[in-house]
C-alpha cells in the first residue's frame, strides 16, 4: 500500500498531492512542470514537504504531525533517472555493485538485464539503452523497498522503449517492488501502470485504473492529457444501456454508459478507434466531410468534419478500400458507442 499526501510551497509553484494505491506500479501522469518529479523527490526524502504524510507498505517515511522524516538512506529507495546518473569513472560492474548488499543479486541482475558482457566497460563505451539497463540494475541491486522511475525511457527511440518496457515488466514481476513511474507518454502508461494518478499544476485531478480513467475522464482537461483529441458538445437526452447525447444539430449519438442525468451538458470524445466495422445495436451511422487522408502501412488516418469540429479516425489499411475517402466529399461512417466517452462539463461551468 502506497499513501502519499504532501503539500509544499515553492517560490512560483504549489505542490498539493494526495493519492493512495494498492497496485504494484503506480504512474504519475502529467505534462511537464506539473509536480511529478517533485512528488518523487518528496517520497525519496530529497525535499521535505511543509506538511503531510508518506507511507510505503506500512513503513512511515514522513509525517509532519508526528515529526517523522526519515533521511534518504533509511527510506530504502531505488531511484532511476532520465539522465542515468552513472559514475563515469566506474565500470558497469562497479556501478551496479555500488551500494549493493548481495553480490549474488548483482550477478543475477546483470544476467536478467542482458548486460553481463558489458561489466568491464565504462559508461562512455555503451549505448543509451545499455546505460539505462545498468542504471536499473544499480537501482535494484540495493534491494529497495520502493522503486522510483523518473521518465527513465523518454530519451530513447520507440523500438528501444518497447523492448525495455517488456524487460521492466518481467523484472517487476520477479522482484514485486512497489513502483512509482513518472511519465507523460500515454503508451508507456498503459503498458506499465496498474494505477494512474493524473496531475496538473501541482494537484491530482483524477486517479484510478488506466482503462477506467481513459474511458471515463472526469474532465476534458484529463481527457486531453490522456490523448483524446476530438470533442463535440451536447445534452444528455436519455440514460440506460447507453448515454444518448443530443448534439446542436439535433442528431442523437449513442455513447458509453455513465453516471449522467437527462438534461446535463456534456462533451463527447470521438476517439480515433471509435470506428465500428459491423452494424450492431450500439452503432451510430454518421456522415462526415473528409478533409484529408494519410495512408499508412497498418492504418489510414482520416481527418473529417463532424458537427463543425475536426475529428480523426483510424481505419485498418486493409479495409480502407471499402470506404469512400475522397477529400472534400461526404462519407458515411459507423461509430461504436463503446468508444465514445461522455465527459461532464459541470466543473468547467463552475470554474
Protein backbone atom coordinates (compact mmCIF):
# COMPACT_ATOMS: atom_id res chain seq x y z
CA UNK A 1 0.00 0.00 0.00
CA UNK A 2 1.31 3.41 -1.01
CA UNK A 3 -0.08 6.53 0.67
CA UNK A 4 1.16 9.96 -0.34
CA UNK A 5 -0.21 13.24 0.97
CA UNK A 6 2.21 16.16 0.67
CA UNK A 7 1.99 19.92 0.49
CA UNK A 8 4.86 22.27 -0.21
CA UNK A 9 5.08 25.89 -1.30
CA UNK A 10 7.81 26.91 -3.72
CA UNK A 11 8.55 30.41 -4.98
CA UNK A 12 6.39 30.11 -8.10
CA UNK A 13 4.67 26.77 -7.59
CA UNK A 14 2.43 24.98 -5.10
CA UNK A 15 2.53 21.20 -4.69
CA UNK A 16 -0.58 19.71 -3.10
CA UNK A 17 -0.75 15.99 -3.87
CA UNK A 18 -2.91 13.34 -2.24
CA UNK A 19 -3.29 9.77 -3.52
CA UNK A 20 -3.08 6.15 -2.44
CA UNK A 21 -2.53 2.94 -4.37
CA UNK A 22 -2.59 -0.78 -3.65
CA UNK A 23 -1.13 -1.60 -7.08
CA UNK A 24 2.46 -2.59 -7.71
CA UNK A 25 3.06 0.01 -10.43
CA UNK A 26 1.55 3.44 -9.91
CA UNK A 27 2.09 6.07 -12.61
CA UNK A 28 2.14 9.81 -12.11
CA UNK A 29 0.90 11.10 -15.45
CA UNK A 30 1.01 14.78 -16.32
CA UNK A 31 2.53 17.37 -18.64
CA UNK A 32 5.93 18.83 -17.83
CA UNK A 33 6.02 21.20 -14.89
CA UNK A 34 3.07 19.64 -13.05
CA UNK A 35 4.96 18.43 -9.98
CA UNK A 36 5.56 14.76 -10.87
CA UNK A 37 9.30 14.79 -10.19
CA UNK A 38 8.84 16.92 -7.06
CA UNK A 39 6.47 14.26 -5.74
CA UNK A 40 9.11 11.58 -6.33
CA UNK A 41 11.70 13.71 -4.57
CA UNK A 42 9.40 14.04 -1.56
CA UNK A 43 8.97 10.25 -1.42
CA UNK A 44 12.75 9.77 -1.71
CA UNK A 45 13.43 12.29 1.05
CA UNK A 46 15.29 14.70 -1.23
CA UNK A 47 12.90 17.53 -0.37
CA UNK A 48 10.93 17.99 2.85
CA UNK A 49 7.22 18.80 2.46
CA UNK A 50 5.74 21.62 4.53
CA UNK A 51 3.12 19.17 5.75
CA UNK A 52 1.66 15.75 5.00
CA UNK A 53 2.35 12.05 5.32
CA UNK A 54 4.12 9.40 3.20
CA UNK A 55 3.77 5.68 3.89
CA UNK A 56 5.01 2.64 1.93
CA UNK A 57 3.74 -0.83 2.88
CA UNK A 58 3.13 0.28 6.46
CA UNK A 59 6.53 1.97 6.81
CA UNK A 60 6.20 5.63 7.73
CA UNK A 61 8.65 7.77 5.76
CA UNK A 62 7.27 11.20 6.61
CA UNK A 63 4.63 12.59 8.96
CA UNK A 64 4.64 16.29 9.74
CA UNK A 65 2.28 15.94 12.72
CA UNK A 66 4.41 13.23 14.36
CA UNK A 67 7.65 14.93 13.30
CA UNK A 68 8.82 11.86 11.39
CA UNK A 69 11.16 12.49 8.45
CA UNK A 70 13.42 9.55 7.63
CA UNK A 71 16.67 10.51 5.86
CA UNK A 72 17.02 9.22 2.28
CA UNK A 73 19.40 6.40 3.22
CA UNK A 74 16.86 4.95 5.67
CA UNK A 75 13.97 5.02 3.21
CA UNK A 76 15.47 2.22 1.06
CA UNK A 77 14.52 3.84 -2.23
CA UNK A 78 15.74 2.79 -5.67
CA UNK A 79 15.77 5.85 -7.94
CA UNK A 80 16.09 5.70 -11.73
CA UNK A 81 16.60 9.00 -13.54
CA UNK A 82 16.18 10.00 -17.16
CA UNK A 83 19.87 11.03 -17.25
CA UNK A 84 21.08 7.59 -15.99
CA UNK A 85 23.35 9.23 -13.33
CA UNK A 86 26.06 6.57 -13.70
CA UNK A 87 29.52 7.09 -12.25
CA UNK A 88 31.74 7.76 -15.31
CA UNK A 89 34.94 6.57 -13.61
CA UNK A 90 33.44 3.18 -12.68
CA UNK A 91 32.86 0.13 -14.85
CA UNK A 92 29.38 -1.28 -15.40
CA UNK A 93 30.02 -3.92 -12.74
CA UNK A 94 31.29 -1.34 -10.26
CA UNK A 95 28.28 0.91 -10.91
CA UNK A 96 25.81 -1.90 -10.26
CA UNK A 97 27.74 -3.15 -7.22
CA UNK A 98 27.85 0.32 -5.65
CA UNK A 99 25.56 0.18 -2.62
CA UNK A 100 24.59 -3.45 -3.25
CA UNK A 101 24.03 -5.70 -0.25
CA UNK A 102 24.12 -9.05 -2.01
CA UNK A 103 26.73 -9.74 -4.71
CA UNK A 104 24.72 -12.73 -5.93
CA UNK A 105 21.85 -10.38 -6.69
CA UNK A 106 24.21 -8.21 -8.72
CA UNK A 107 25.21 -11.15 -10.92
CA UNK A 108 21.56 -12.14 -11.27
CA UNK A 109 20.60 -8.62 -12.38
CA UNK A 110 23.45 -8.40 -14.88
CA UNK A 111 22.20 -11.61 -16.45
CA UNK A 112 18.49 -10.71 -16.33
CA UNK A 113 19.11 -7.31 -17.93
CA UNK A 114 21.45 -8.76 -20.56
CA UNK A 115 24.46 -6.66 -19.58
CA UNK A 116 26.80 -9.44 -18.37
CA UNK A 117 29.08 -8.91 -21.36
CA UNK A 118 29.37 -5.18 -20.56
CA UNK A 119 30.53 -5.42 -16.96
CA UNK A 120 34.12 -4.34 -17.70
CA UNK A 121 33.12 -1.39 -19.89
CA UNK A 122 32.73 2.23 -18.80
CA UNK A 123 29.53 4.29 -19.32
CA UNK A 124 31.03 6.27 -22.21
CA UNK A 125 31.60 2.97 -24.07
CA UNK A 126 27.97 1.79 -24.07
CA UNK A 127 24.73 2.94 -25.73
CA UNK A 128 21.83 4.85 -24.18
CA UNK A 129 19.69 1.74 -23.85
CA UNK A 130 22.56 -0.15 -22.22
CA UNK A 131 23.15 2.72 -19.81
CA UNK A 132 19.50 2.61 -18.78
CA UNK A 133 19.75 -1.14 -18.14
CA UNK A 134 22.82 -0.52 -15.97
CA UNK A 135 21.05 2.25 -14.06
CA UNK A 136 18.04 -0.02 -13.48
CA UNK A 137 20.29 -2.85 -12.28
CA UNK A 138 22.01 -0.48 -9.85
CA UNK A 139 18.66 0.77 -8.51
CA UNK A 140 17.50 -2.82 -7.90
CA UNK A 141 20.81 -4.10 -6.51
CA UNK A 142 20.36 -2.11 -3.31
CA UNK A 143 17.22 -4.17 -2.56
CA UNK A 144 14.93 -1.14 -2.35
CA UNK A 145 11.54 -1.19 -0.65
CA UNK A 146 10.17 1.17 -3.31
CA UNK A 147 11.38 1.91 -6.85
CA UNK A 148 11.05 5.43 -8.31
CA UNK A 149 11.27 5.80 -12.09
CA UNK A 150 11.52 9.41 -13.27
CA UNK A 151 10.77 9.30 -17.03
CA UNK A 152 13.57 6.75 -17.48
CA UNK A 153 12.85 5.99 -21.15
CA UNK A 154 11.96 9.43 -22.54
CA UNK A 155 15.32 9.90 -24.31
CA UNK A 156 15.15 6.54 -26.12
CA UNK A 157 13.64 5.75 -29.52
CA UNK A 158 10.28 3.96 -29.74
CA UNK A 159 11.61 0.48 -30.59
CA UNK A 160 14.10 0.53 -27.72
CA UNK A 161 11.43 1.87 -25.36
CA UNK A 162 9.10 -1.00 -26.18
CA UNK A 163 11.91 -3.51 -25.65
CA UNK A 164 12.76 -2.02 -22.24
CA UNK A 165 9.08 -1.86 -21.23
CA UNK A 166 8.85 -5.62 -21.67
CA UNK A 167 12.06 -6.21 -19.73
CA UNK A 168 10.96 -3.92 -16.91
CA UNK A 169 7.59 -5.67 -16.62
CA UNK A 170 9.36 -9.01 -16.34
CA UNK A 171 11.75 -7.72 -13.68
CA UNK A 172 8.98 -6.16 -11.61
CA UNK A 173 7.08 -9.46 -11.71
CA UNK A 174 10.17 -11.18 -10.29
CA UNK A 175 11.01 -8.71 -7.52
CA UNK A 176 7.48 -7.42 -6.70
CA UNK A 177 8.69 -3.98 -5.58
CA UNK A 178 6.16 -1.13 -5.22
CA UNK A 179 6.98 1.25 -8.05
CA UNK A 180 6.11 4.85 -8.90
CA UNK A 181 6.59 5.70 -12.57
CA UNK A 182 6.64 9.29 -13.80
CA UNK A 183 5.63 9.65 -17.44
CA UNK A 184 3.83 11.87 -19.93
CA UNK A 185 3.69 9.10 -22.57
CA UNK A 186 0.18 7.54 -22.78
CA UNK A 187 1.55 4.35 -24.39
CA UNK A 188 4.06 3.87 -21.59
CA UNK A 189 1.28 4.48 -19.11
CA UNK A 190 -0.94 1.72 -20.46
CA UNK A 191 1.97 -0.66 -21.00
CA UNK A 192 3.34 -0.50 -17.45
CA UNK A 193 0.92 1.02 -14.94
CA UNK A 194 -1.80 -0.70 -12.93
CA UNK A 195 -2.97 2.52 -11.27
CA UNK A 196 -2.61 6.05 -12.59
CA UNK A 197 -2.61 9.41 -10.88
CA UNK A 198 -3.33 12.25 -13.32
CA UNK A 199 -1.79 15.55 -12.22
CA UNK A 200 -1.84 19.12 -13.43
CA UNK A 201 -0.49 22.31 -11.88
CA UNK A 202 0.69 20.53 -8.74
CA UNK A 203 -2.59 18.80 -7.96
CA UNK A 204 -4.20 15.40 -8.55
CA UNK A 205 -7.16 15.78 -10.89
CA UNK A 206 -8.13 12.09 -11.23
CA UNK A 207 -6.86 8.64 -10.29
CA UNK A 208 -7.87 5.05 -10.98
CA UNK A 209 -7.17 2.04 -13.18
CA UNK A 210 -5.82 3.09 -16.60
CA UNK A 211 -8.77 1.94 -18.73
CA UNK A 212 -11.30 3.29 -16.24
CA UNK A 213 -9.71 6.74 -16.29
CA UNK A 214 -9.19 6.72 -20.07
CA UNK A 215 -12.78 5.81 -20.91
CA UNK A 216 -14.34 7.80 -18.07
CA UNK A 217 -12.34 11.02 -17.74
CA UNK A 218 -13.86 13.43 -15.25
CA UNK A 219 -12.97 16.49 -17.31
CA UNK A 220 -11.98 17.48 -20.83
CA UNK A 221 -8.66 18.58 -19.29
CA UNK A 222 -7.96 15.00 -18.14
CA UNK A 223 -9.13 13.58 -21.47
CA UNK A 224 -6.75 15.82 -23.42
CA UNK A 225 -3.83 14.83 -21.19
CA UNK A 226 -4.60 11.17 -21.93
CA UNK A 227 -4.59 11.74 -25.68
CA UNK A 228 -8.24 12.41 -26.52
CA UNK A 229 -8.21 14.82 -29.46
CA UNK A 230 -11.72 15.48 -30.78
CA UNK A 231 -14.78 16.63 -28.84
CA UNK A 232 -18.35 17.64 -29.64
CA UNK A 233 -20.71 19.20 -27.14
CA UNK A 234 -24.27 18.20 -26.43
CA UNK A 235 -27.01 17.49 -23.90
CA UNK A 236 -27.91 14.16 -22.32
CA UNK A 237 -31.23 13.07 -23.79
CA UNK A 238 -31.56 9.57 -22.35
CA UNK A 239 -29.71 7.27 -19.95
CA UNK A 240 -29.80 3.48 -19.78
CA UNK A 241 -27.82 0.87 -21.66
CA UNK A 242 -26.12 3.79 -23.42
CA UNK A 243 -25.92 7.51 -22.79
CA UNK A 244 -27.84 9.22 -25.58
CA UNK A 245 -26.46 12.69 -26.28
CA UNK A 246 -28.26 15.23 -28.45
CA UNK A 247 -25.86 17.39 -30.46
CA UNK A 248 -26.52 21.00 -31.57
CA UNK A 249 -27.67 19.78 -35.00
CA UNK A 250 -30.38 17.64 -33.38
CA UNK A 251 -28.52 14.41 -34.12
CA UNK A 252 -28.53 11.93 -31.23
CA UNK A 253 -25.40 9.85 -30.55
CA UNK A 254 -25.41 6.63 -28.55
CA UNK A 255 -22.36 6.85 -26.28
CA UNK A 256 -20.75 4.99 -23.39
CA UNK A 257 -22.87 4.41 -20.32
CA UNK A 258 -22.07 6.78 -17.48
CA UNK A 259 -23.42 8.46 -14.38
CA UNK A 260 -25.26 11.34 -16.04
CA UNK A 261 -28.66 12.98 -15.74
CA UNK A 262 -31.09 13.86 -18.52
CA UNK A 263 -30.56 17.48 -19.49
CA UNK A 264 -26.93 17.59 -18.33
CA UNK A 265 -24.46 19.46 -20.55
CA UNK A 266 -21.63 17.16 -21.66
CA UNK A 267 -18.80 16.72 -24.13
CA UNK A 268 -18.40 13.58 -26.24
CA UNK A 269 -14.91 12.40 -27.13
CA UNK A 270 -14.66 10.98 -30.65
CA UNK A 271 -11.78 8.52 -30.26
CA UNK A 272 -9.70 7.65 -33.34
CA UNK A 273 -10.55 3.95 -32.88
CA UNK A 274 -14.29 4.59 -32.48
CA UNK A 275 -14.98 3.24 -35.96
CA UNK A 276 -17.30 0.22 -35.92
CA UNK A 277 -16.57 -2.45 -38.51
CA UNK A 278 -20.01 -4.05 -38.30
CA UNK A 279 -23.56 -2.92 -37.61
CA UNK A 280 -24.89 -3.52 -34.11
CA UNK A 281 -27.26 -2.03 -31.54
CA UNK A 282 -24.50 0.24 -30.25
CA UNK A 283 -23.56 1.60 -33.68
CA UNK A 284 -24.13 5.19 -34.82
CA UNK A 285 -24.40 5.97 -38.52
CA UNK A 286 -22.99 9.43 -39.22
CA UNK A 287 -21.95 11.45 -42.23
CA UNK A 288 -18.70 13.40 -42.24
CA UNK A 289 -16.91 15.51 -44.82
CA UNK A 290 -13.46 14.05 -45.47
CA UNK A 291 -10.75 16.71 -45.30
CA UNK A 292 -7.55 14.68 -45.55
CA UNK A 293 -6.44 11.04 -45.75
CA UNK A 294 -3.00 9.83 -44.67
CA UNK A 295 -2.43 6.24 -45.78
CA UNK A 296 -0.06 4.12 -43.72
CA UNK A 297 1.12 0.53 -43.76
CA UNK A 298 -1.19 -0.56 -40.93
CA UNK A 299 -3.76 2.22 -40.60
CA UNK A 300 -5.11 5.09 -42.65
CA UNK A 301 -5.71 8.31 -40.75
CA UNK A 302 -8.84 10.11 -41.86
CA UNK A 303 -9.39 13.74 -40.89
CA UNK A 304 -13.00 14.78 -41.31
CA UNK A 305 -15.51 17.41 -40.20
CA UNK A 306 -18.33 16.37 -37.86
CA UNK A 307 -20.71 18.82 -36.19
CA UNK A 308 -18.37 21.62 -37.21
CA UNK A 309 -15.37 20.03 -35.47
CA UNK A 310 -12.38 18.22 -36.99
CA UNK A 311 -12.15 14.59 -35.92
CA UNK A 312 -9.53 11.93 -36.58
CA UNK A 313 -10.50 8.34 -37.36
CA UNK A 314 -8.21 5.35 -37.82
CA UNK A 315 -9.16 2.74 -40.42
CA UNK A 316 -7.21 -0.51 -40.87
CA UNK A 317 -5.39 -0.07 -44.18
CA UNK A 318 -6.65 -3.43 -45.41
CA UNK A 319 -10.24 -2.15 -45.06
CA UNK A 320 -9.80 1.41 -46.34
CA UNK A 321 -10.78 0.45 -49.94
CA UNK A 322 -14.28 -0.28 -48.54
CA UNK A 323 -14.73 3.39 -47.64
CA UNK A 324 -15.39 6.37 -49.89
CA UNK A 325 -12.45 8.50 -48.83
CA UNK A 326 -12.29 11.35 -51.31
CA UNK A 327 -11.11 14.64 -49.91
CA UNK A 328 -13.88 17.22 -49.91
CA UNK A 329 -16.62 14.58 -50.25
CA UNK A 330 -19.14 13.43 -47.65
CA UNK A 331 -18.75 9.84 -46.49
CA UNK A 332 -20.70 7.57 -44.15
CA UNK A 333 -19.05 6.14 -41.04
CA UNK A 334 -20.30 3.90 -38.24
CA UNK A 335 -19.16 4.81 -34.73
CA UNK A 336 -19.28 2.42 -31.77
CA UNK A 337 -20.96 3.77 -28.63
CA UNK A 338 -18.37 1.94 -26.52
CA UNK A 339 -15.63 4.19 -27.94
CA UNK A 340 -17.49 7.47 -27.43
CA UNK A 341 -16.77 8.52 -23.82
CA UNK A 342 -19.04 11.15 -22.30
CA UNK A 343 -17.49 13.85 -20.13
CA UNK A 344 -19.41 16.05 -17.72
CA UNK A 345 -18.96 19.82 -18.07
CA UNK A 346 -20.18 20.82 -14.61
CA UNK A 347 -16.69 21.57 -13.28
CA UNK A 348 -15.87 23.68 -16.34
CA UNK A 349 -19.06 25.69 -15.96
CA UNK A 350 -18.37 26.27 -12.25
CA UNK A 351 -14.84 27.50 -12.95
